[in-house]
C-alpha cells in the first residue's frame, strides 16, 4: 500500500466498517450508462472485423 494516500485508506476502512468485505468491492464510478446494447456492440465488432466492402466503399486491398 506504499504510495496510497491516507484519505484512500481512510475511505477503505470506513467502507469496510460499514459494509464488511463487500464494502471493498469496486463500485460504479458514475458517469452515463451506455446507450448502445450489447447485441449492437457485437454486431459492430463483427462488421469492423469483416472490413470494408470494396464495391460499396471503393476501398482496395493492398497485398
Protein backbone atom coordinates (compact mmCIF):
# COMPACT_ATOMS: atom_id res chain seq x y z
CA UNK A 1 0.00 0.00 0.00
CA UNK A 2 3.02 2.21 -0.29
CA UNK A 3 2.14 5.30 -2.27
CA UNK A 4 -1.54 5.13 -1.30
CA UNK A 5 -2.97 8.38 0.00
CA UNK A 6 -4.17 8.42 3.62
CA UNK A 7 -7.61 9.56 2.53
CA UNK A 8 -7.98 6.49 0.31
CA UNK A 9 -7.03 4.16 3.16
CA UNK A 10 -9.43 6.00 5.47
CA UNK A 11 -12.23 5.56 2.92
CA UNK A 12 -11.43 1.83 2.69
CA UNK A 13 -11.62 1.47 6.47
CA UNK A 14 -14.93 3.33 6.64
CA UNK A 15 -16.39 1.21 3.83
CA UNK A 16 -15.18 -1.99 5.48
CA UNK A 17 -16.57 -0.96 8.87
CA UNK A 18 -19.93 -0.06 7.35
CA UNK A 19 -20.37 -2.98 4.93
CA UNK A 20 -17.77 -5.63 5.76
CA UNK A 21 -15.65 -7.16 2.98
CA UNK A 22 -18.39 -6.42 0.42
CA UNK A 23 -17.78 -2.72 1.03
CA UNK A 24 -14.34 -3.04 -0.55
CA UNK A 25 -15.66 -4.24 -3.91
CA UNK A 26 -15.26 -1.55 -6.57
CA UNK A 27 -18.45 0.30 -7.24
CA UNK A 28 -19.67 2.03 -10.38
CA UNK A 29 -17.67 5.22 -10.71
CA UNK A 30 -20.52 7.30 -12.04
CA UNK A 31 -20.96 8.62 -15.50
CA UNK A 32 -23.64 7.96 -18.04
CA UNK A 33 -24.85 4.47 -18.78
CA UNK A 34 -24.12 3.03 -22.20
CA UNK A 35 -26.70 3.90 -24.80
CA UNK A 36 -25.77 1.00 -27.05
CA UNK A 37 -26.94 -2.53 -26.33
CA UNK A 38 -24.54 -5.48 -26.08
CA UNK A 39 -26.09 -7.04 -29.22
CA UNK A 40 -25.45 -3.87 -31.23
CA UNK A 41 -21.87 -3.73 -29.89
CA UNK A 42 -21.35 -7.33 -31.01
CA UNK A 43 -22.74 -6.59 -34.48
CA UNK A 44 -20.48 -3.55 -34.82
CA UNK A 45 -17.44 -5.54 -33.72
CA UNK A 46 -18.23 -8.24 -36.27
CA UNK A 47 -18.70 -5.65 -39.02
CA UNK A 48 -15.42 -4.00 -38.08
CA UNK A 49 -13.60 -7.34 -38.26
CA UNK A 50 -15.04 -8.00 -41.75
CA UNK A 51 -13.56 -4.77 -43.05
CA UNK A 52 -14.79 -2.56 -45.89
CA UNK A 53 -16.66 -3.88 -48.93
CA UNK A 54 -14.61 -2.69 -51.95
CA UNK A 55 -17.63 -2.44 -54.29
CA UNK A 56 -19.51 -0.30 -51.79
CA UNK A 57 -16.76 1.68 -50.09
CA UNK A 58 -14.35 1.97 -53.02
CA UNK A 59 -11.51 0.51 -50.97
CA UNK A 60 -8.77 -1.64 -52.45
CA UNK A 61 -6.90 -4.36 -50.64
CA UNK A 62 -3.13 -4.00 -50.79
CA UNK A 63 -1.30 -7.28 -50.52
